[in-house]
Amino acid sequence: MQQFSFIAVNTIITKALNETLGSSTPTQSALLNPALIQELNRINREFVRAPSTKGDNDHWSWMGQEEKIFPTFNATALDGAIAASAATFDVDSASNFPSSGRVWIETSKDAVDIVDFESVASSTVTVSTTSGDETVDIAHDDAAHVELLYALPSDFAQVVELFVDSIEYFSSKTGQLPIGRRYELRGGYILFPRDIGTRDVTLRYERGATDLDTGNESADLLLATQIPEDFMDYPVFKLMAYIQRNRRKSDWTTYLQLAENALDEALTYDLNYSDNYIYAD
C-alpha cells in the first residue's frame, strides 16, 4: 500500500528557481514569490482537474469524494415592498438565514431575482455590495416569496449524487427555477424547487483544488499543494516553463512539453494503481 505526501509551495518554487536561475532569489518582479505563488495556484488547479480534462478518471484517486448533509428551510416573504437596487429588505422571518448568503425573490411575473446578502439583523437583510455579487434587480411587492439558496462546500468541484430526504435529485441547466426532482447550481450555491420546505439534503461531491494564493505570502509558501511528491516533475517543469518564458528564453517550450509528459505519466500511474493509495494527512 503506497502512502502519498504532498509538496509544499515553497519546495516547488525553490527547486524551479534553482534549476533555471541557479538561485532562489530572483530580482525580476514576475519571478518574485507573489507572482510564482499565483502561477503555482493555476498549476495546482490544472493538475487537480487533469483526470476529467485529459484522463480516463473523474478524479485523482487520493482526492476521493466527500459528503455533506444539511437542512433546507421553509420559505418566507418580504415584509414590505422594495425598490430595484434596494440596500436592505425585511422578511417575515430570517431565523434560518445564515450570517451571509444568497436568496431568490419571486417577481410578480413568476421570474426569479437572485440576491446576495452580507448580513442579517433580526428580520432585516443587508444586500451585499461586493463587486460581482447579485443585487436587487427589480422592484418587488410586499409579501413576495423569498427562499434561500444553499452554499456549496468550499472544496466543491462537481456533484456525484444529491438526495433530498433519501430521494435522488438531478441537475437542471435551464436557467429557470427547477421543478420536480431537480436542482440547479448557481455559482457557489444550490437552487432548489419552490417551497422545498424543511428537508434533509445529502450531497456527495468530488473535491476541487484548494486556493494556494490567499494574499498572505509567508503563509502561502507553507501550504501543501494537492500534488504528491511522486509527481513533483509536473509542477516543477511547469513553473520552469513560466520562469523561462518571462525571461524570454526559448527553452520554455521544452519545459512545457516535459511537464505534459510528466502529467501523462501521472495519469497513467493513477489509473493503473489507484486501489493502492492511502491519503497521508
C-alpha atoms as a PDB file:
ATOM      1  CA  MET A   1       0.000   0.000   0.000  1.00  0.00           C
ATOM      2  CA  GLN A   2       1.534   3.302  -1.085  1.00  0.00           C
ATOM      3  CA  GLN A   3       1.157   6.378   1.088  1.00  0.00           C
ATOM      4  CA  PHE A   4       1.313   9.804  -0.514  1.00  0.00           C
ATOM      5  CA  SER A   5       2.591  13.039   0.975  1.00  0.00           C
ATOM      6  CA  PHE A   6       2.176  16.352  -0.798  1.00  0.00           C
ATOM      7  CA  ILE A   7       4.589  19.055  -1.917  1.00  0.00           C
ATOM      8  CA  ALA A   8       4.738  22.432  -0.195  1.00  0.00           C
ATOM      9  CA  VAL A   9       4.501  25.560  -2.334  1.00  0.00           C
ATOM     10  CA  ASN A  10       7.939  26.794  -1.248  1.00  0.00           C
ATOM     11  CA  THR A  11       9.584  23.480  -2.184  1.00  0.00           C
ATOM     12  CA  ILE A  12       8.375  23.702  -5.786  1.00  0.00           C
ATOM     13  CA  ILE A  13       9.237  27.384  -6.147  1.00  0.00           C
ATOM     14  CA  THR A  14      12.747  26.942  -4.720  1.00  0.00           C
ATOM     15  CA  LYS A  15      13.523  23.952  -6.948  1.00  0.00           C
ATOM     16  CA  ALA A  16      12.180  25.641 -10.107  1.00  0.00           C
ATOM     17  CA  LEU A  17      14.166  28.833  -9.436  1.00  0.00           C
ATOM     18  CA  ASN A  18      17.356  26.957  -8.669  1.00  0.00           C
ATOM     19  CA  GLU A  19      17.002  24.823 -11.813  1.00  0.00           C
ATOM     20  CA  THR A  20      16.510  27.838 -14.072  1.00  0.00           C
ATOM     21  CA  LEU A  21      18.461  30.654 -12.371  1.00  0.00           C
ATOM     22  CA  GLY A  22      20.893  28.806 -10.160  1.00  0.00           C
ATOM     23  CA  SER A  23      19.483  30.890  -7.307  1.00  0.00           C
ATOM     24  CA  SER A  24      16.257  31.117  -5.315  1.00  0.00           C
ATOM     25  CA  THR A  25      16.407  34.935  -5.022  1.00  0.00           C
ATOM     26  CA  PRO A  26      15.386  36.496  -8.366  1.00  0.00           C
ATOM     27  CA  THR A  27      15.048  40.244  -8.861  1.00  0.00           C
ATOM     28  CA  GLN A  28      12.586  40.309 -11.773  1.00  0.00           C
ATOM     29  CA  SER A  29       9.117  41.166 -10.394  1.00  0.00           C
ATOM     30  CA  ALA A  30       7.390  38.437 -12.417  1.00  0.00           C
ATOM     31  CA  LEU A  31       9.609  35.883 -10.696  1.00  0.00           C
ATOM     32  CA  LEU A  32       9.158  37.047  -7.100  1.00  0.00           C
ATOM     33  CA  ASN A  33       7.137  34.929  -4.712  1.00  0.00           C
ATOM     34  CA  PRO A  34       3.705  36.587  -5.145  1.00  0.00           C
ATOM     35  CA  ALA A  35       3.765  36.029  -8.916  1.00  0.00           C
ATOM     36  CA  LEU A  36       5.121  32.488  -8.570  1.00  0.00           C
ATOM     37  CA  ILE A  37       2.528  31.579  -5.939  1.00  0.00           C
ATOM     38  CA  GLN A  38      -0.207  32.859  -8.252  1.00  0.00           C
ATOM     39  CA  GLU A  39       1.166  30.805 -11.135  1.00  0.00           C
ATOM     40  CA  LEU A  40       1.542  27.702  -8.982  1.00  0.00           C
ATOM     41  CA  ASN A  41      -2.056  28.144  -7.870  1.00  0.00           C
ATOM     42  CA  ARG A  42      -3.071  27.840 -11.531  1.00  0.00           C
ATOM     43  CA  ILE A  43      -0.780  24.833 -11.982  1.00  0.00           C
ATOM     44  CA  ASN A  44      -2.299  23.104  -8.956  1.00  0.00           C
ATOM     45  CA  ARG A  45      -5.820  23.681 -10.269  1.00  0.00           C
ATOM     46  CA  GLU A  46      -4.888  22.329 -13.698  1.00  0.00           C
ATOM     47  CA  PHE A  47      -3.392  19.248 -12.070  1.00  0.00           C
ATOM     48  CA  VAL A  48      -6.478  18.594  -9.930  1.00  0.00           C
ATOM     49  CA  ARG A  49      -8.760  18.878 -12.993  1.00  0.00           C
ATOM     50  CA  ALA A  50      -6.485  16.790 -15.239  1.00  0.00           C
ATOM     51  CA  PRO A  51      -8.211  13.381 -14.774  1.00  0.00           C
ATOM     52  CA  SER A  52     -11.509  14.763 -16.082  1.00  0.00           C
ATOM     53  CA  THR A  53      -9.977  17.006 -18.772  1.00  0.00           C
ATOM     54  CA  LYS A  54      -7.153  14.764 -20.046  1.00  0.00           C
ATOM     55  CA  GLY A  55      -7.525  11.318 -18.472  1.00  0.00           C
ATOM     56  CA  ASP A  56      -9.967   8.448 -18.146  1.00  0.00           C
ATOM     57  CA  ASN A  57     -10.872   9.033 -14.486  1.00  0.00           C
ATOM     58  CA  ASP A  58     -13.183  11.634 -12.989  1.00  0.00           C
ATOM     59  CA  HIS A  59     -10.675  12.497 -10.276  1.00  0.00           C
ATOM     60  CA  TRP A  60      -7.325  11.557  -8.784  1.00  0.00           C
ATOM     61  CA  SER A  61      -7.628   8.516  -6.569  1.00  0.00           C
ATOM     62  CA  TRP A  62      -6.310  10.319  -3.485  1.00  0.00           C
ATOM     63  CA  MET A  63      -8.760  13.204  -3.864  1.00  0.00           C
ATOM     64  CA  GLY A  64     -11.677  10.918  -3.117  1.00  0.00           C
ATOM     65  CA  GLN A  65     -15.243  12.045  -2.533  1.00  0.00           C
ATOM     66  CA  GLU A  66     -16.828  13.987   0.302  1.00  0.00           C
ATOM     67  CA  GLU A  67     -20.314  14.040   1.756  1.00  0.00           C
ATOM     68  CA  LYS A  68     -22.190  16.983   3.229  1.00  0.00           C
ATOM     69  CA  ILE A  69     -25.589  16.738   4.932  1.00  0.00           C
ATOM     70  CA  PHE A  70     -27.556  19.920   5.524  1.00  0.00           C
ATOM     71  CA  PRO A  71     -31.168  21.013   6.077  1.00  0.00           C
ATOM     72  CA  THR A  72     -33.341  23.191   3.878  1.00  0.00           C
ATOM     73  CA  PHE A  73     -35.923  25.569   5.327  1.00  0.00           C
ATOM     74  CA  ASN A  74     -39.420  26.862   4.740  1.00  0.00           C
ATOM     75  CA  ALA A  75     -39.879  29.910   2.546  1.00  0.00           C
ATOM     76  CA  THR A  76     -40.503  33.350   3.966  1.00  0.00           C
ATOM     77  CA  ALA A  77     -41.844  36.542   2.364  1.00  0.00           C
ATOM     78  CA  LEU A  78     -40.920  40.185   2.011  1.00  0.00           C
ATOM     79  CA  ASP A  79     -42.218  42.360   4.837  1.00  0.00           C
ATOM     80  CA  GLY A  80     -42.777  45.460   2.793  1.00  0.00           C
ATOM     81  CA  ALA A  81     -42.227  46.401  -0.843  1.00  0.00           C
ATOM     82  CA  ILE A  82     -38.687  47.134  -2.057  1.00  0.00           C
ATOM     83  CA  ALA A  83     -37.310  49.135  -4.971  1.00  0.00           C
ATOM     84  CA  ALA A  84     -34.752  47.993  -7.513  1.00  0.00           C
ATOM     85  CA  SER A  85     -31.199  48.255  -6.126  1.00  0.00           C
ATOM     86  CA  ALA A  86     -32.520  48.291  -2.560  1.00  0.00           C
ATOM     87  CA  ALA A  87     -29.706  48.228   0.019  1.00  0.00           C
ATOM     88  CA  THR A  88     -31.782  46.287   2.554  1.00  0.00           C
ATOM     89  CA  PHE A  89     -35.051  44.408   2.729  1.00  0.00           C
ATOM     90  CA  ASP A  90     -37.177  42.996   5.518  1.00  0.00           C
ATOM     91  CA  VAL A  91     -38.640  39.499   5.622  1.00  0.00           C
ATOM     92  CA  ASP A  92     -41.288  37.906   7.797  1.00  0.00           C
ATOM     93  CA  SER A  93     -38.674  35.634   9.367  1.00  0.00           C
ATOM     94  CA  ALA A  94     -34.896  35.395   8.952  1.00  0.00           C
ATOM     95  CA  SER A  95     -34.386  32.937  11.812  1.00  0.00           C
ATOM     96  CA  ASN A  96     -32.940  30.307   9.460  1.00  0.00           C
ATOM     97  CA  PHE A  97     -30.798  32.682   7.394  1.00  0.00           C
ATOM     98  CA  PRO A  98     -27.013  32.303   7.690  1.00  0.00           C
ATOM     99  CA  SER A  99     -24.984  35.395   8.528  1.00  0.00           C
ATOM    100  CA  SER A 100     -24.369  35.882   4.799  1.00  0.00           C
ATOM    101  CA  GLY A 101     -25.579  34.054   1.729  1.00  0.00           C
ATOM    102  CA  ARG A 102     -27.999  34.155  -1.169  1.00  0.00           C
ATOM    103  CA  VAL A 103     -31.778  34.221  -1.610  1.00  0.00           C
ATOM    104  CA  TRP A 104     -34.179  34.294  -4.500  1.00  0.00           C
ATOM    105  CA  ILE A 105     -37.181  36.582  -4.590  1.00  0.00           C
ATOM    106  CA  GLU A 106     -40.130  35.715  -6.813  1.00  0.00           C
ATOM    107  CA  THR A 107     -41.288  38.526  -9.075  1.00  0.00           C
ATOM    108  CA  SER A 108     -44.898  39.386  -9.830  1.00  0.00           C
ATOM    109  CA  LYS A 109     -44.446  37.584 -13.171  1.00  0.00           C
ATOM    110  CA  ASP A 110     -43.017  34.391 -11.644  1.00  0.00           C
ATOM    111  CA  ALA A 111     -39.390  35.123 -12.508  1.00  0.00           C
ATOM    112  CA  VAL A 112     -36.533  34.671 -10.029  1.00  0.00           C
ATOM    113  CA  ASP A 113     -34.423  37.566  -8.723  1.00  0.00           C
ATOM    114  CA  ILE A 114     -31.216  36.259  -7.127  1.00  0.00           C
ATOM    115  CA  VAL A 115     -29.835  38.454  -4.335  1.00  0.00           C
ATOM    116  CA  ASP A 116     -26.633  38.077  -2.280  1.00  0.00           C
ATOM    117  CA  PHE A 117     -26.660  39.376   1.274  1.00  0.00           C
ATOM    118  CA  GLU A 118     -23.793  40.208   3.622  1.00  0.00           C
ATOM    119  CA  SER A 119     -25.513  40.431   6.998  1.00  0.00           C
ATOM    120  CA  VAL A 120     -28.781  39.828   8.842  1.00  0.00           C
ATOM    121  CA  ALA A 121     -30.064  41.742  11.864  1.00  0.00           C
ATOM    122  CA  SER A 122     -33.367  40.456  13.260  1.00  0.00           C
ATOM    123  CA  SER A 123     -35.548  40.375  10.136  1.00  0.00           C
ATOM    124  CA  THR A 124     -33.582  42.993   8.159  1.00  0.00           C
ATOM    125  CA  VAL A 125     -31.308  41.675   5.438  1.00  0.00           C
ATOM    126  CA  THR A 126     -28.459  43.806   4.053  1.00  0.00           C
ATOM    127  CA  VAL A 127     -27.674  43.317   0.368  1.00  0.00           C
ATOM    128  CA  SER A 128     -24.034  42.578  -0.468  1.00  0.00           C
ATOM    129  CA  THR A 129     -22.002  45.364  -2.024  1.00  0.00           C
ATOM    130  CA  THR A 130     -19.093  43.105  -3.029  1.00  0.00           C
ATOM    131  CA  SER A 131     -18.202  43.507  -6.696  1.00  0.00           C
ATOM    132  CA  GLY A 132     -19.805  40.793  -8.801  1.00  0.00           C
ATOM    133  CA  ASP A 133     -22.444  39.826  -6.266  1.00  0.00           C
ATOM    134  CA  GLU A 134     -26.124  39.718  -7.195  1.00  0.00           C
ATOM    135  CA  THR A 135     -28.226  42.726  -6.155  1.00  0.00           C
ATOM    136  CA  VAL A 136     -31.956  43.515  -6.271  1.00  0.00           C
ATOM    137  CA  ASP A 137     -32.647  43.805 -10.000  1.00  0.00           C
ATOM    138  CA  ILE A 138     -36.262  44.963  -9.982  1.00  0.00           C
ATOM    139  CA  ALA A 139     -38.877  46.263  -7.592  1.00  0.00           C
ATOM    140  CA  HIS A 140     -40.810  43.698  -5.539  1.00  0.00           C
ATOM    141  CA  ASP A 141     -44.203  43.882  -3.868  1.00  0.00           C
ATOM    142  CA  ASP A 142     -44.908  43.313  -0.217  1.00  0.00           C
ATOM    143  CA  ALA A 143     -45.286  39.602   0.615  1.00  0.00           C
ATOM    144  CA  ALA A 144     -43.221  38.459  -2.387  1.00  0.00           C
ATOM    145  CA  HIS A 145     -41.996  34.877  -1.981  1.00  0.00           C
ATOM    146  CA  VAL A 146     -38.401  34.545  -0.631  1.00  0.00           C
ATOM    147  CA  GLU A 147     -36.267  31.417  -0.292  1.00  0.00           C
ATOM    148  CA  LEU A 148     -32.672  30.605   0.482  1.00  0.00           C
ATOM    149  CA  LEU A 149     -30.126  29.110  -1.854  1.00  0.00           C
ATOM    150  CA  TYR A 150     -27.693  26.749  -0.121  1.00  0.00           C
ATOM    151  CA  ALA A 151     -23.927  27.229  -0.178  1.00  0.00           C
ATOM    152  CA  LEU A 152     -21.732  24.552  -1.715  1.00  0.00           C
ATOM    153  CA  PRO A 153     -18.681  23.380   0.280  1.00  0.00           C
ATOM    154  CA  SER A 154     -15.543  25.452  -0.213  1.00  0.00           C
ATOM    155  CA  ASP A 155     -13.701  22.439  -1.695  1.00  0.00           C
ATOM    156  CA  PHE A 156     -16.532  21.535  -4.086  1.00  0.00           C
ATOM    157  CA  ALA A 157     -15.675  20.538  -7.667  1.00  0.00           C
ATOM    158  CA  GLN A 158     -18.701  18.657  -9.002  1.00  0.00           C
ATOM    159  CA  VAL A 159     -21.762  16.763  -7.805  1.00  0.00           C
ATOM    160  CA  VAL A 160     -21.603  12.978  -7.655  1.00  0.00           C
ATOM    161  CA  GLU A 161     -25.089  12.438  -6.195  1.00  0.00           C
ATOM    162  CA  LEU A 162     -27.658  14.580  -4.422  1.00  0.00           C
ATOM    163  CA  PHE A 163     -30.540  13.239  -2.334  1.00  0.00           C
ATOM    164  CA  VAL A 164     -33.399  15.097  -0.688  1.00  0.00           C
ATOM    165  CA  ASP A 165     -34.914  13.001   2.117  1.00  0.00           C
ATOM    166  CA  SER A 166     -33.268   9.940   0.509  1.00  0.00           C
ATOM    167  CA  ILE A 167     -34.841  10.710  -2.905  1.00  0.00           C
ATOM    168  CA  GLU A 168     -32.316  11.404  -5.644  1.00  0.00           C
ATOM    169  CA  TYR A 169     -32.481  14.793  -7.363  1.00  0.00           C
ATOM    170  CA  PHE A 170     -30.888  15.601 -10.702  1.00  0.00           C
ATOM    171  CA  SER A 171     -29.122  18.628 -12.135  1.00  0.00           C
ATOM    172  CA  SER A 172     -31.016  21.141 -14.250  1.00  0.00           C
ATOM    173  CA  LYS A 173     -29.373  23.703 -16.511  1.00  0.00           C
ATOM    174  CA  THR A 174     -32.369  25.592 -17.821  1.00  0.00           C
ATOM    175  CA  GLY A 175     -31.542  28.856 -16.074  1.00  0.00           C
ATOM    176  CA  GLN A 176     -35.060  28.835 -14.657  1.00  0.00           C
ATOM    177  CA  LEU A 177     -36.399  27.802 -11.271  1.00  0.00           C
ATOM    178  CA  PRO A 178     -36.092  23.989 -11.137  1.00  0.00           C
ATOM    179  CA  ILE A 179     -39.224  21.889 -10.763  1.00  0.00           C
ATOM    180  CA  GLY A 180     -39.852  18.359  -9.526  1.00  0.00           C
ATOM    181  CA  ARG A 181     -36.785  16.359  -8.542  1.00  0.00           C
ATOM    182  CA  ARG A 182     -34.377  18.898  -9.951  1.00  0.00           C
ATOM    183  CA  TYR A 183     -31.805  21.363  -8.638  1.00  0.00           C
ATOM    184  CA  GLU A 184     -29.588  23.931 -10.296  1.00  0.00           C
ATOM    185  CA  LEU A 185     -26.116  25.170  -9.413  1.00  0.00           C
ATOM    186  CA  ARG A 186     -25.870  28.948  -9.321  1.00  0.00           C
ATOM    187  CA  GLY A 187     -22.294  29.985  -8.720  1.00  0.00           C
ATOM    188  CA  GLY A 188     -21.357  28.557  -5.340  1.00  0.00           C
ATOM    189  CA  TYR A 189     -24.949  27.729  -4.389  1.00  0.00           C
ATOM    190  CA  ILE A 190     -27.686  25.145  -4.937  1.00  0.00           C
ATOM    191  CA  LEU A 191     -31.099  26.358  -6.081  1.00  0.00           C
ATOM    192  CA  PHE A 192     -33.959  24.004  -5.224  1.00  0.00           C
ATOM    193  CA  PRO A 193     -37.575  23.974  -6.469  1.00  0.00           C
ATOM    194  CA  ARG A 194     -40.061  26.414  -4.998  1.00  0.00           C
ATOM    195  CA  ASP A 195     -41.262  25.519  -1.491  1.00  0.00           C
ATOM    196  CA  ILE A 196     -38.632  22.822  -0.899  1.00  0.00           C
ATOM    197  CA  GLY A 197     -39.571  23.179   2.782  1.00  0.00           C
ATOM    198  CA  THR A 198     -37.791  21.526   5.684  1.00  0.00           C
ATOM    199  CA  ARG A 199     -35.875  18.637   4.179  1.00  0.00           C
ATOM    200  CA  ASP A 200     -32.556  16.877   4.704  1.00  0.00           C
ATOM    201  CA  VAL A 201     -30.119  17.054   1.786  1.00  0.00           C
ATOM    202  CA  THR A 202     -27.227  14.647   1.275  1.00  0.00           C
ATOM    203  CA  LEU A 203     -24.660  15.963  -1.171  1.00  0.00           C
ATOM    204  CA  ARG A 204     -21.872  13.673  -2.373  1.00  0.00           C
ATOM    205  CA  TYR A 205     -19.255  15.546  -4.333  1.00  0.00           C
ATOM    206  CA  GLU A 206     -15.759  15.478  -5.736  1.00  0.00           C
ATOM    207  CA  ARG A 207     -13.291  17.827  -4.111  1.00  0.00           C
ATOM    208  CA  GLY A 208     -11.678  20.589  -6.093  1.00  0.00           C
ATOM    209  CA  ALA A 209      -8.369  22.403  -5.790  1.00  0.00           C
ATOM    210  CA  THR A 210      -7.582  24.386  -2.671  1.00  0.00           C
ATOM    211  CA  ASP A 211      -6.560  28.031  -3.038  1.00  0.00           C
ATOM    212  CA  LEU A 212      -2.794  28.438  -2.732  1.00  0.00           C
ATOM    213  CA  ASP A 213      -2.935  32.188  -3.260  1.00  0.00           C
ATOM    214  CA  THR A 214      -4.650  33.846  -0.303  1.00  0.00           C
ATOM    215  CA  GLY A 215      -2.612  37.036  -0.413  1.00  0.00           C
ATOM    216  CA  ASN A 216      -0.577  36.076   2.658  1.00  0.00           C
ATOM    217  CA  GLU A 217       2.802  35.302   1.111  1.00  0.00           C
ATOM    218  CA  SER A 218       4.507  33.815   4.173  1.00  0.00           C
ATOM    219  CA  ALA A 219       1.549  31.530   4.904  1.00  0.00           C
ATOM    220  CA  ASP A 220       1.001  30.565   1.257  1.00  0.00           C
ATOM    221  CA  LEU A 221       4.601  29.393   0.884  1.00  0.00           C
ATOM    222  CA  LEU A 222       3.970  26.801   3.595  1.00  0.00           C
ATOM    223  CA  LEU A 223       0.753  25.460   2.106  1.00  0.00           C
ATOM    224  CA  ALA A 224       0.709  21.962   0.693  1.00  0.00           C
ATOM    225  CA  THR A 225      -0.350  21.574  -2.911  1.00  0.00           C
ATOM    226  CA  GLN A 226      -2.581  18.685  -3.957  1.00  0.00           C
ATOM    227  CA  ILE A 227       0.272  17.238  -5.995  1.00  0.00           C
ATOM    228  CA  PRO A 228       2.029  14.200  -4.489  1.00  0.00           C
ATOM    229  CA  GLU A 229       5.803  14.249  -4.175  1.00  0.00           C
ATOM    230  CA  ASP A 230       5.860  11.272  -6.550  1.00  0.00           C
ATOM    231  CA  PHE A 231       4.669  13.568  -9.342  1.00  0.00           C
ATOM    232  CA  MET A 232       6.843  16.571  -8.492  1.00  0.00           C
ATOM    233  CA  ASP A 233       8.274  16.810 -12.007  1.00  0.00           C
ATOM    234  CA  TYR A 234       4.993  18.198 -13.334  1.00  0.00           C
ATOM    235  CA  PRO A 235       4.717  21.376 -11.224  1.00  0.00           C
ATOM    236  CA  VAL A 236       8.489  21.990 -11.309  1.00  0.00           C
ATOM    237  CA  PHE A 237       8.700  21.742 -15.114  1.00  0.00           C
ATOM    238  CA  LYS A 238       5.510  23.764 -15.485  1.00  0.00           C
ATOM    239  CA  LEU A 239       6.856  26.533 -13.248  1.00  0.00           C
ATOM    240  CA  MET A 240      10.223  26.420 -15.022  1.00  0.00           C
ATOM    241  CA  ALA A 241       8.400  26.990 -18.320  1.00  0.00           C
ATOM    242  CA  TYR A 242       6.715  30.050 -16.787  1.00  0.00           C
ATOM    243  CA  ILE A 243      10.052  31.377 -15.471  1.00  0.00           C
ATOM    244  CA  GLN A 244      11.871  30.905 -18.766  1.00  0.00           C
ATOM    245  CA  ARG A 245       9.026  32.408 -20.766  1.00  0.00           C
ATOM    246  CA  ASN A 246       9.230  35.541 -18.591  1.00  0.00           C
ATOM    247  CA  ARG A 247      12.994  35.599 -19.094  1.00  0.00           C
ATOM    248  CA  ARG A 248      12.388  35.346 -22.871  1.00  0.00           C
ATOM    249  CA  LYS A 249      14.333  32.099 -23.054  1.00  0.00           C
ATOM    250  CA  SER A 250      13.488  29.841 -25.974  1.00  0.00           C
ATOM    251  CA  ASP A 251      13.732  26.640 -23.955  1.00  0.00           C
ATOM    252  CA  TRP A 252      10.450  27.373 -22.121  1.00  0.00           C
ATOM    253  CA  THR A 253       8.542  25.237 -24.635  1.00  0.00           C
ATOM    254  CA  THR A 254      10.825  22.292 -23.855  1.00  0.00           C
ATOM    255  CA  TYR A 255       9.959  22.528 -20.160  1.00  0.00           C
ATOM    256  CA  LEU A 256       6.291  22.807 -21.021  1.00  0.00           C
ATOM    257  CA  GLN A 257       6.475  19.592 -23.024  1.00  0.00           C
ATOM    258  CA  LEU A 258       8.363  17.858 -20.204  1.00  0.00           C
ATOM    259  CA  ALA A 259       5.566  18.942 -17.846  1.00  0.00           C
ATOM    260  CA  GLU A 260       2.911  17.469 -20.148  1.00  0.00           C
ATOM    261  CA  ASN A 261       4.865  14.217 -20.370  1.00  0.00           C
ATOM    262  CA  ALA A 262       5.090  14.074 -16.581  1.00  0.00           C
ATOM    263  CA  LEU A 263       1.351  14.670 -16.300  1.00  0.00           C
ATOM    264  CA  ASP A 264       0.570  11.872 -18.761  1.00  0.00           C
ATOM    265  CA  GLU A 265       2.751   9.507 -16.734  1.00  0.00           C
ATOM    266  CA  ALA A 266       0.989  10.517 -13.516  1.00  0.00           C
ATOM    267  CA  LEU A 267      -2.443   9.939 -15.053  1.00  0.00           C
ATOM    268  CA  THR A 268      -1.437   6.501 -16.315  1.00  0.00           C
ATOM    269  CA  TYR A 269       0.072   5.548 -12.974  1.00  0.00           C
ATOM    270  CA  ASP A 270      -3.009   6.663 -11.070  1.00  0.00           C
ATOM    271  CA  LEU A 271      -5.359   4.801 -13.400  1.00  0.00           C
ATOM    272  CA  ASN A 272      -3.407   1.559 -13.021  1.00  0.00           C
ATOM    273  CA  TYR A 273      -2.669   1.672  -9.307  1.00  0.00           C
ATOM    274  CA  SER A 274      -5.468   3.727  -7.773  1.00  0.00           C
ATOM    275  CA  ASP A 275      -6.554   0.924  -5.436  1.00  0.00           C
ATOM    276  CA  ASN A 276      -3.210   1.046  -3.663  1.00  0.00           C
ATOM    277  CA  TYR A 277      -3.297   4.599  -2.343  1.00  0.00           C
ATOM    278  CA  ILE A 278      -3.650   5.889   1.179  1.00  0.00           C
ATOM    279  CA  TYR A 279      -4.089   9.601   1.772  1.00  0.00           C
ATOM    280  CA  ALA A 280      -1.401  10.998   4.085  1.00  0.00           C
ATOM    281  CA  ASP A 281      -2.604  13.743   6.387  1.00  0.00           C
END
